Amino acid sequence: MRTYLISFDASAPERHALADAIMQLGEAWARPLGTTWYVQSTHRADAIERRLKPLIDGTESLLIQEVESRALLLNTALHWFKRRRPAIAEADDVVALAA
């Protein structure tokens, strides 16, 4: 399992589509800042780029970087959220990890 930092600069319509796509990329995701995400995924960075690139236009920016699983966050918290699956009870949807 890899951990990716994904950040983007996109307008409102694309922002919502990107957020939806990012939440579907892997087993867990977190959004510590407005348009900055951490995603745990088995996919490689180039595969993630292929999924997200069609959702932005030529003037918008996208950063995808594989990172270590640990991070230092100031004035924010990191909570990992599992992808929602019908078979999992709602109480199991949120897993908090130490920052």
N, C-alpha and C. Protein backbone atom coordinates (compact mmCIF):
# COMPACT_ATOMS: atom_id res chain seq x y z
N MET A 1 0.85 -1.17 0.00
CA MET A 1 0.00 0.00 0.00
C MET A 1 0.90 1.24 0.00
N ARG A 2 0.61 2.16 -0.88
CA ARG A 2 1.35 3.42 -0.98
C ARG A 2 0.50 4.55 -0.42
N THR A 3 1.17 5.60 0.05
CA THR A 3 0.48 6.80 0.50
C THR A 3 0.87 7.93 -0.43
N TYR A 4 -0.13 8.65 -0.94
CA TYR A 4 0.08 9.77 -1.86
C TYR A 4 -0.45 11.06 -1.26
N LEU A 5 0.28 12.12 -1.52
CA LEU A 5 -0.19 13.47 -1.27
C LEU A 5 -0.73 13.97 -2.59
N ILE A 6 -1.98 14.39 -2.62
CA ILE A 6 -2.60 14.92 -3.83
C ILE A 6 -3.13 16.30 -3.51
N SER A 7 -2.74 17.27 -4.31
CA SER A 7 -3.21 18.63 -4.12
C SER A 7 -3.56 19.20 -5.48
N PHE A 8 -4.53 20.10 -5.51
CA PHE A 8 -4.93 20.67 -6.79
C PHE A 8 -5.40 22.10 -6.64
N ASP A 9 -5.34 22.80 -7.75
CA ASP A 9 -5.86 24.16 -7.88
C ASP A 9 -6.85 24.10 -9.02
N ALA A 10 -8.13 24.05 -8.70
CA ALA A 10 -9.17 23.87 -9.72
C ALA A 10 -10.38 24.71 -9.37
N SER A 11 -11.15 25.04 -10.39
CA SER A 11 -12.37 25.82 -10.18
C SER A 11 -13.47 24.96 -9.57
N ALA A 12 -14.55 25.59 -9.16
CA ALA A 12 -15.60 24.91 -8.40
C ALA A 12 -16.15 23.64 -9.06
N PRO A 13 -16.55 23.65 -10.33
CA PRO A 13 -17.11 22.40 -10.88
C PRO A 13 -16.09 21.26 -10.89
N GLU A 14 -14.86 21.56 -11.28
CA GLU A 14 -13.83 20.53 -11.31
C GLU A 14 -13.44 20.09 -9.91
N ARG A 15 -13.49 21.01 -8.96
CA ARG A 15 -13.11 20.70 -7.58
C ARG A 15 -13.99 19.58 -7.02
N HIS A 16 -15.27 19.62 -7.29
CA HIS A 16 -16.18 18.59 -6.78
C HIS A 16 -15.93 17.26 -7.47
N ALA A 17 -15.71 17.28 -8.77
CA ALA A 17 -15.43 16.04 -9.50
C ALA A 17 -14.11 15.43 -9.04
N LEU A 18 -13.09 16.26 -8.82
CA LEU A 18 -11.80 15.76 -8.33
C LEU A 18 -11.94 15.15 -6.94
N ALA A 19 -12.66 15.81 -6.06
CA ALA A 19 -12.85 15.29 -4.71
C ALA A 19 -13.53 13.92 -4.75
N ASP A 20 -14.56 13.79 -5.56
CA ASP A 20 -15.25 12.50 -5.68
C ASP A 20 -14.30 11.42 -6.20
N ALA A 21 -13.51 11.77 -7.22
CA ALA A 21 -12.57 10.80 -7.80
C ALA A 21 -11.47 10.42 -6.81
N ILE A 22 -10.97 11.38 -6.06
CA ILE A 22 -9.91 11.11 -5.08
C ILE A 22 -10.41 10.15 -4.01
N MET A 23 -11.63 10.33 -3.55
CA MET A 23 -12.17 9.46 -2.51
C MET A 23 -12.34 8.02 -2.99
N GLN A 24 -12.35 7.81 -4.29
CA GLN A 24 -12.52 6.46 -4.84
C GLN A 24 -11.20 5.81 -5.24
N LEU A 25 -10.07 6.49 -5.04
CA LEU A 25 -8.77 6.00 -5.51
C LEU A 25 -8.20 4.84 -4.72
N GLY A 26 -8.49 4.76 -3.44
CA GLY A 26 -7.82 3.76 -2.64
C GLY A 26 -8.64 3.26 -1.49
N GLU A 27 -7.95 2.64 -0.57
CA GLU A 27 -8.61 2.05 0.59
C GLU A 27 -8.95 3.09 1.65
N ALA A 28 -8.19 4.18 1.72
CA ALA A 28 -8.44 5.20 2.73
C ALA A 28 -8.00 6.55 2.19
N TRP A 29 -8.65 7.61 2.69
CA TRP A 29 -8.28 8.96 2.28
C TRP A 29 -8.48 9.90 3.46
N ALA A 30 -7.79 11.02 3.39
CA ALA A 30 -7.95 12.08 4.39
C ALA A 30 -7.76 13.41 3.69
N ARG A 31 -8.45 14.44 4.17
CA ARG A 31 -8.32 15.78 3.59
C ARG A 31 -7.96 16.76 4.72
N PRO A 32 -6.65 16.92 5.01
CA PRO A 32 -6.26 17.80 6.10
C PRO A 32 -6.41 19.29 5.78
N LEU A 33 -6.41 19.64 4.50
CA LEU A 33 -6.58 21.04 4.05
C LEU A 33 -7.58 21.04 2.90
N GLY A 34 -8.08 22.20 2.55
CA GLY A 34 -9.15 22.33 1.57
C GLY A 34 -9.01 21.53 0.29
N THR A 35 -7.88 21.64 -0.38
CA THR A 35 -7.69 20.90 -1.63
C THR A 35 -6.43 20.05 -1.57
N THR A 36 -6.10 19.59 -0.37
CA THR A 36 -4.94 18.72 -0.16
C THR A 36 -5.44 17.43 0.46
N TRP A 37 -5.05 16.33 -0.13
CA TRP A 37 -5.53 15.02 0.28
C TRP A 37 -4.36 14.07 0.51
N TYR A 38 -4.56 13.11 1.39
CA TYR A 38 -3.71 11.94 1.49
C TYR A 38 -4.58 10.76 1.06
N VAL A 39 -4.00 9.87 0.27
CA VAL A 39 -4.72 8.69 -0.20
C VAL A 39 -3.83 7.47 -0.01
N GLN A 40 -4.36 6.42 0.57
CA GLN A 40 -3.66 5.14 0.63
C GLN A 40 -4.23 4.27 -0.47
N SER A 41 -3.34 3.83 -1.36
CA SER A 41 -3.79 3.12 -2.55
C SER A 41 -2.76 2.11 -3.00
N THR A 42 -3.20 1.09 -3.70
CA THR A 42 -2.29 0.14 -4.33
C THR A 42 -1.88 0.61 -5.72
N HIS A 43 -2.54 1.66 -6.23
CA HIS A 43 -2.23 2.17 -7.57
C HIS A 43 -0.90 2.90 -7.59
N ARG A 44 -0.27 2.94 -8.75
CA ARG A 44 0.95 3.73 -8.94
C ARG A 44 0.55 5.16 -9.27
N ALA A 45 1.49 6.09 -9.11
CA ALA A 45 1.21 7.51 -9.34
C ALA A 45 0.73 7.77 -10.76
N ASP A 46 1.32 7.09 -11.75
CA ASP A 46 0.90 7.34 -13.14
C ASP A 46 -0.53 6.89 -13.39
N ALA A 47 -0.98 5.84 -12.71
CA ALA A 47 -2.37 5.40 -12.85
C ALA A 47 -3.31 6.41 -12.21
N ILE A 48 -2.91 6.98 -11.08
CA ILE A 48 -3.72 8.01 -10.43
C ILE A 48 -3.80 9.23 -11.32
N GLU A 49 -2.68 9.60 -11.93
CA GLU A 49 -2.69 10.74 -12.85
C GLU A 49 -3.66 10.50 -14.01
N ARG A 50 -3.65 9.32 -14.58
CA ARG A 50 -4.55 9.01 -15.70
C ARG A 50 -6.01 9.14 -15.30
N ARG A 51 -6.34 8.82 -14.04
CA ARG A 51 -7.73 8.93 -13.59
C ARG A 51 -8.14 10.37 -13.31
N LEU A 52 -7.21 11.19 -12.80
CA LEU A 52 -7.56 12.54 -12.39
C LEU A 52 -7.37 13.60 -13.47
N LYS A 53 -6.42 13.40 -14.36
CA LYS A 53 -6.09 14.41 -15.38
C LYS A 53 -7.29 14.82 -16.24
N PRO A 54 -8.16 13.91 -16.66
CA PRO A 54 -9.31 14.32 -17.46
C PRO A 54 -10.29 15.24 -16.72
N LEU A 55 -10.17 15.34 -15.41
CA LEU A 55 -11.10 16.13 -14.61
C LEU A 55 -10.66 17.59 -14.44
N ILE A 56 -9.49 17.94 -14.96
CA ILE A 56 -9.03 19.33 -14.88
C ILE A 56 -8.80 19.86 -16.28
N ASP A 57 -8.87 21.19 -16.43
CA ASP A 57 -8.59 21.76 -17.74
C ASP A 57 -7.11 22.15 -17.81
N GLY A 58 -6.68 22.69 -18.93
CA GLY A 58 -5.28 22.99 -19.17
C GLY A 58 -4.67 24.08 -18.30
N THR A 59 -5.50 24.87 -17.62
CA THR A 59 -4.98 25.95 -16.78
C THR A 59 -4.92 25.59 -15.30
N GLU A 60 -5.45 24.44 -14.94
CA GLU A 60 -5.50 24.04 -13.53
C GLU A 60 -4.33 23.13 -13.19
N SER A 61 -3.99 23.10 -11.91
CA SER A 61 -2.80 22.38 -11.46
C SER A 61 -3.17 21.15 -10.64
N LEU A 62 -2.31 20.14 -10.73
CA LEU A 62 -2.51 18.90 -10.00
C LEU A 62 -1.15 18.39 -9.54
N LEU A 63 -1.03 18.05 -8.26
CA LEU A 63 0.19 17.48 -7.69
C LEU A 63 -0.14 16.11 -7.13
N ILE A 64 0.63 15.10 -7.55
CA ILE A 64 0.50 13.74 -7.03
C ILE A 64 1.89 13.31 -6.63
N GLN A 65 2.10 13.04 -5.34
CA GLN A 65 3.43 12.69 -4.86
C GLN A 65 3.33 11.56 -3.85
N GLU A 66 4.12 10.50 -4.08
CA GLU A 66 4.17 9.43 -3.09
C GLU A 66 4.95 9.94 -1.88
N VAL A 67 4.42 9.69 -0.69
CA VAL A 67 5.02 10.19 0.54
C VAL A 67 5.09 9.08 1.58
N GLU A 68 5.83 9.35 2.65
CA GLU A 68 5.85 8.42 3.76
C GLU A 68 4.50 8.46 4.47
N SER A 69 4.21 7.45 5.23
CA SER A 69 2.92 7.37 5.92
C SER A 69 2.80 8.35 7.07
N ARG A 70 3.92 8.86 7.58
CA ARG A 70 3.89 9.78 8.72
C ARG A 70 3.97 11.21 8.22
N ALA A 71 3.31 12.10 8.94
CA ALA A 71 3.31 13.52 8.56
C ALA A 71 3.20 14.37 9.82
N LEU A 72 3.74 15.57 9.75
CA LEU A 72 3.60 16.55 10.82
C LEU A 72 2.60 17.58 10.34
N LEU A 73 1.52 17.76 11.08
CA LEU A 73 0.46 18.68 10.69
C LEU A 73 0.27 19.70 11.79
N LEU A 74 0.24 20.97 11.43
CA LEU A 74 0.02 22.05 12.40
C LEU A 74 -1.35 22.65 12.17
N ASN A 75 -2.09 22.86 13.25
CA ASN A 75 -3.43 23.45 13.20
C ASN A 75 -4.41 22.64 12.36
N THR A 76 -4.19 21.37 12.27
CA THR A 76 -5.12 20.47 11.59
C THR A 76 -4.90 19.08 12.15
N ALA A 77 -5.76 18.19 11.84
CA ALA A 77 -5.65 16.80 12.29
C ALA A 77 -5.74 15.89 11.08
N LEU A 78 -5.21 14.71 11.23
CA LEU A 78 -5.28 13.74 10.14
C LEU A 78 -6.12 12.56 10.61
N HIS A 79 -7.27 12.41 10.02
CA HIS A 79 -8.15 11.27 10.28
C HIS A 79 -8.35 10.56 8.95
N TRP A 80 -8.10 9.27 8.94
CA TRP A 80 -8.29 8.49 7.72
C TRP A 80 -9.73 8.02 7.67
N PHE A 81 -10.33 8.14 6.51
CA PHE A 81 -11.70 7.71 6.31
C PHE A 81 -11.71 6.56 5.32
N LYS A 82 -12.30 5.44 5.71
CA LYS A 82 -12.41 4.32 4.79
C LYS A 82 -13.43 4.63 3.71
N ARG A 83 -13.21 4.06 2.54
CA ARG A 83 -14.22 4.16 1.50
C ARG A 83 -15.49 3.50 2.00
N ARG A 84 -16.59 4.11 1.68
CA ARG A 84 -17.88 3.55 2.12
C ARG A 84 -18.23 2.35 1.26
N ARG A 85 -18.58 1.29 1.94
CA ARG A 85 -19.03 0.07 1.28
C ARG A 85 -20.32 -0.36 1.97
N PRO A 86 -21.30 -0.80 1.22
CA PRO A 86 -22.59 -1.17 1.82
C PRO A 86 -22.47 -2.23 2.91
N ALA A 87 -21.50 -3.12 2.81
CA ALA A 87 -21.39 -4.22 3.78
C ALA A 87 -20.80 -3.78 5.11
N ILE A 88 -20.24 -2.58 5.17
CA ILE A 88 -19.60 -2.12 6.40
C ILE A 88 -20.58 -1.24 7.17
N ALA A 89 -20.72 -1.50 8.44
CA ALA A 89 -21.62 -0.70 9.26
C ALA A 89 -21.13 0.73 9.33
N GLU A 90 -22.04 1.68 9.46
CA GLU A 90 -21.67 3.09 9.46
C GLU A 90 -20.67 3.41 10.56
N ALA A 91 -20.75 2.76 11.69
CA ALA A 91 -19.81 3.02 12.79
C ALA A 91 -18.38 2.66 12.41
N ASP A 92 -18.20 1.79 11.41
CA ASP A 92 -16.87 1.38 10.98
C ASP A 92 -16.29 2.26 9.89
N ASP A 93 -17.00 3.29 9.45
CA ASP A 93 -16.54 4.11 8.34
C ASP A 93 -15.38 5.04 8.67
N VAL A 94 -15.20 5.39 9.93
CA VAL A 94 -14.17 6.35 10.30
C VAL A 94 -13.14 5.68 11.20
N VAL A 95 -11.88 5.80 10.82
CA VAL A 95 -10.79 5.29 11.62
C VAL A 95 -9.81 6.41 11.86
N ALA A 96 -9.56 6.76 13.11
CA ALA A 96 -8.61 7.82 13.44
C ALA A 96 -7.25 7.21 13.74
N LEU A 97 -6.22 7.75 13.11
CA LEU A 97 -4.85 7.32 13.37
C LEU A 97 -4.11 8.45 14.04
N ALA A 98 -3.11 8.11 14.81
CA ALA A 98 -2.30 9.15 15.47
C ALA A 98 -1.55 9.96 14.43
N ALA A 99 -1.49 11.28 14.63
CA ALA A 99 -0.79 12.16 13.70
C ALA A 99 0.69 12.18 14.03
